[in-house]
Amino acid sequence: MNGGRENIGFNYGTVGGAAEDIELRAAVEDLTRVLRELRPHLAPDQARTVEGALPELTPDRSALRERGMVLASVAQIAATVGEVGRPAAEAVGRLLGLLG
């Protein structure tokens, strides 16, 4: 249109792009995997909390931002179980880093 100059209008495209979505999806999948591996090492109440958090972990930025308490709970549980929880704590950190 007009040689690409003086075009006025709306761009209804998405911000970010496929690379960000792939990275977010990978981070969610990684966190889900390490949480499943962590469950046998948890106390029953911690395992229930993690089990309840798993369905909340979706590769949707806005939904994850709203579910900050879920991520905080998971991070706290990972920190309390020590070295065995480190991969989960690191995965939460990576995911939070992507959310900004």
C-alpha atoms as a PDB file:
ATOM      1  CA  MET A   1       0.000   0.000   0.000  1.00  0.00           C
ATOM      2  CA  ASN A   2       1.477   3.306  -1.074  1.00  0.00           C
ATOM      3  CA  GLY A   3       4.937   1.788  -1.180  1.00  0.00           C
ATOM      4  CA  GLY A   4       4.770   1.092   2.552  1.00  0.00           C
ATOM      5  CA  ARG A   5       4.580   4.767   3.500  1.00  0.00           C
ATOM      6  CA  GLU A   6       1.901   6.794   5.213  1.00  0.00           C
ATOM      7  CA  ASN A   7      -0.194   3.757   6.044  1.00  0.00           C
ATOM      8  CA  ILE A   8      -2.526   4.436   8.929  1.00  0.00           C
ATOM      9  CA  GLY A   9      -4.591   1.776  10.596  1.00  0.00           C
ATOM     10  CA  PHE A  10      -4.776  -0.836  13.259  1.00  0.00           C
ATOM     11  CA  ASN A  11      -2.527  -3.812  13.695  1.00  0.00           C
ATOM     12  CA  TYR A  12      -4.525  -6.537  15.364  1.00  0.00           C
ATOM     13  CA  GLY A  13      -1.557  -8.910  15.389  1.00  0.00           C
ATOM     14  CA  THR A  14      -0.050 -10.415  18.495  1.00  0.00           C
ATOM     15  CA  VAL A  15       2.767  -8.960  20.523  1.00  0.00           C
ATOM     16  CA  GLY A  16       5.780 -11.188  20.841  1.00  0.00           C
ATOM     17  CA  GLY A  17       5.539 -14.099  18.553  1.00  0.00           C
ATOM     18  CA  ALA A  18       5.911 -17.773  18.044  1.00  0.00           C
ATOM     19  CA  ALA A  19       9.379 -17.897  19.607  1.00  0.00           C
ATOM     20  CA  GLU A  20       8.049 -16.521  22.899  1.00  0.00           C
ATOM     21  CA  ASP A  21       5.124 -18.940  22.848  1.00  0.00           C
ATOM     22  CA  ILE A  22       7.451 -21.878  22.265  1.00  0.00           C
ATOM     23  CA  GLU A  23       9.690 -20.734  25.108  1.00  0.00           C
ATOM     24  CA  LEU A  24       6.723 -20.289  27.456  1.00  0.00           C
ATOM     25  CA  ARG A  25       5.269 -23.666  26.502  1.00  0.00           C
ATOM     26  CA  ALA A  26       8.647 -25.327  27.115  1.00  0.00           C
ATOM     27  CA  ALA A  27       8.967 -23.643  30.526  1.00  0.00           C
ATOM     28  CA  VAL A  28       5.476 -24.785  31.561  1.00  0.00           C
ATOM     29  CA  GLU A  29       6.161 -28.329  30.362  1.00  0.00           C
ATOM     30  CA  ASP A  30       9.476 -28.380  32.234  1.00  0.00           C
ATOM     31  CA  LEU A  31       7.880 -27.161  35.456  1.00  0.00           C
ATOM     32  CA  THR A  32       5.068 -29.691  35.134  1.00  0.00           C
ATOM     33  CA  ARG A  33       7.567 -32.505  34.591  1.00  0.00           C
ATOM     34  CA  VAL A  34       9.773 -31.616  37.567  1.00  0.00           C
ATOM     35  CA  LEU A  35       6.744 -31.187  39.822  1.00  0.00           C
ATOM     36  CA  ARG A  36       5.543 -34.673  38.905  1.00  0.00           C
ATOM     37  CA  GLU A  37       9.011 -36.010  39.707  1.00  0.00           C
ATOM     38  CA  LEU A  38       8.995 -34.131  43.018  1.00  0.00           C
ATOM     39  CA  ARG A  39       5.645 -35.420  44.307  1.00  0.00           C
ATOM     40  CA  PRO A  40       6.964 -38.709  45.783  1.00  0.00           C
ATOM     41  CA  HIS A  41       9.324 -36.669  47.989  1.00  0.00           C
ATOM     42  CA  LEU A  42       6.588 -34.465  49.437  1.00  0.00           C
ATOM     43  CA  ALA A  43       4.457 -34.660  52.549  1.00  0.00           C
ATOM     44  CA  PRO A  44       0.808 -35.484  51.780  1.00  0.00           C
ATOM     45  CA  ASP A  45      -0.407 -31.885  52.147  1.00  0.00           C
ATOM     46  CA  GLN A  46       2.420 -30.619  49.926  1.00  0.00           C
ATOM     47  CA  ALA A  47       1.639 -33.283  47.327  1.00  0.00           C
ATOM     48  CA  ARG A  48      -2.024 -32.215  47.318  1.00  0.00           C
ATOM     49  CA  THR A  49      -1.016 -28.593  46.775  1.00  0.00           C
ATOM     50  CA  VAL A  50       1.232 -29.561  43.868  1.00  0.00           C
ATOM     51  CA  GLU A  51      -1.471 -31.810  42.433  1.00  0.00           C
ATOM     52  CA  GLY A  52      -3.919 -28.907  42.578  1.00  0.00           C
ATOM     53  CA  ALA A  53      -1.418 -26.578  40.927  1.00  0.00           C
ATOM     54  CA  LEU A  54      -0.739 -28.774  37.897  1.00  0.00           C
ATOM     55  CA  PRO A  55      -3.980 -27.955  36.028  1.00  0.00           C
ATOM     56  CA  GLU A  56      -3.314 -24.238  36.622  1.00  0.00           C
ATOM     57  CA  LEU A  57      -0.019 -24.408  34.727  1.00  0.00           C
ATOM     58  CA  THR A  58      -0.957 -23.492  31.186  1.00  0.00           C
ATOM     59  CA  PRO A  59       1.146 -21.729  28.537  1.00  0.00           C
ATOM     60  CA  ASP A  60      -1.015 -18.611  28.789  1.00  0.00           C
ATOM     61  CA  ARG A  61       0.867 -15.520  29.971  1.00  0.00           C
ATOM     62  CA  SER A  62      -2.096 -13.602  31.318  1.00  0.00           C
ATOM     63  CA  ALA A  63      -3.518 -16.637  33.111  1.00  0.00           C
ATOM     64  CA  LEU A  64      -0.155 -17.428  34.700  1.00  0.00           C
ATOM     65  CA  ARG A  65       0.258 -13.830  35.838  1.00  0.00           C
ATOM     66  CA  GLU A  66      -3.125 -14.071  37.556  1.00  0.00           C
ATOM     67  CA  ARG A  67      -2.085 -17.349  39.165  1.00  0.00           C
ATOM     68  CA  GLY A  68       0.930 -15.903  40.906  1.00  0.00           C
ATOM     69  CA  MET A  69      -0.094 -17.408  44.241  1.00  0.00           C
ATOM     70  CA  VAL A  70      -0.060 -20.876  42.692  1.00  0.00           C
ATOM     71  CA  LEU A  71       3.481 -20.324  41.452  1.00  0.00           C
ATOM     72  CA  ALA A  72       4.498 -18.883  44.827  1.00  0.00           C
ATOM     73  CA  SER A  73       3.082 -21.926  46.636  1.00  0.00           C
ATOM     74  CA  VAL A  74       4.922 -24.304  44.341  1.00  0.00           C
ATOM     75  CA  ALA A  75       8.168 -22.358  44.764  1.00  0.00           C
ATOM     76  CA  GLN A  76       7.793 -22.390  48.543  1.00  0.00           C
ATOM     77  CA  ILE A  77       7.206 -26.139  48.604  1.00  0.00           C
ATOM     78  CA  ALA A  78      10.213 -26.707  46.354  1.00  0.00           C
ATOM     79  CA  ALA A  79      12.373 -24.604  48.659  1.00  0.00           C
ATOM     80  CA  THR A  80      11.263 -26.408  51.812  1.00  0.00           C
ATOM     81  CA  VAL A  81      12.211 -29.876  50.573  1.00  0.00           C
ATOM     82  CA  GLY A  82      15.815 -28.877  49.987  1.00  0.00           C
ATOM     83  CA  GLU A  83      18.095 -30.158  47.264  1.00  0.00           C
ATOM     84  CA  VAL A  84      15.484 -32.488  45.776  1.00  0.00           C
ATOM     85  CA  GLY A  85      13.264 -29.451  45.176  1.00  0.00           C
ATOM     86  CA  ARG A  86      15.924 -27.347  43.481  1.00  0.00           C
ATOM     87  CA  PRO A  87      14.926 -28.281  39.891  1.00  0.00           C
ATOM     88  CA  ALA A  88      11.337 -27.233  40.616  1.00  0.00           C
ATOM     89  CA  ALA A  89      12.433 -23.971  42.230  1.00  0.00           C
ATOM     90  CA  GLU A  90      14.648 -23.216  39.234  1.00  0.00           C
ATOM     91  CA  ALA A  91      11.828 -24.075  36.815  1.00  0.00           C
ATOM     92  CA  VAL A  92       9.486 -21.680  38.639  1.00  0.00           C
ATOM     93  CA  GLY A  93      12.173 -19.003  38.431  1.00  0.00           C
ATOM     94  CA  ARG A  94      12.574 -19.503  34.678  1.00  0.00           C
ATOM     95  CA  LEU A  95       8.823 -19.326  34.173  1.00  0.00           C
ATOM     96  CA  LEU A  96       8.507 -16.167  36.260  1.00  0.00           C
ATOM     97  CA  GLY A  97      11.357 -14.646  34.257  1.00  0.00           C
ATOM     98  CA  LEU A  98       9.401 -15.211  31.057  1.00  0.00           C
ATOM     99  CA  LEU A  99       6.307 -13.613  32.538  1.00  0.00           C
ATOM    100  CA  GLY A 100       8.209 -10.432  33.335  1.00  0.00           C
END
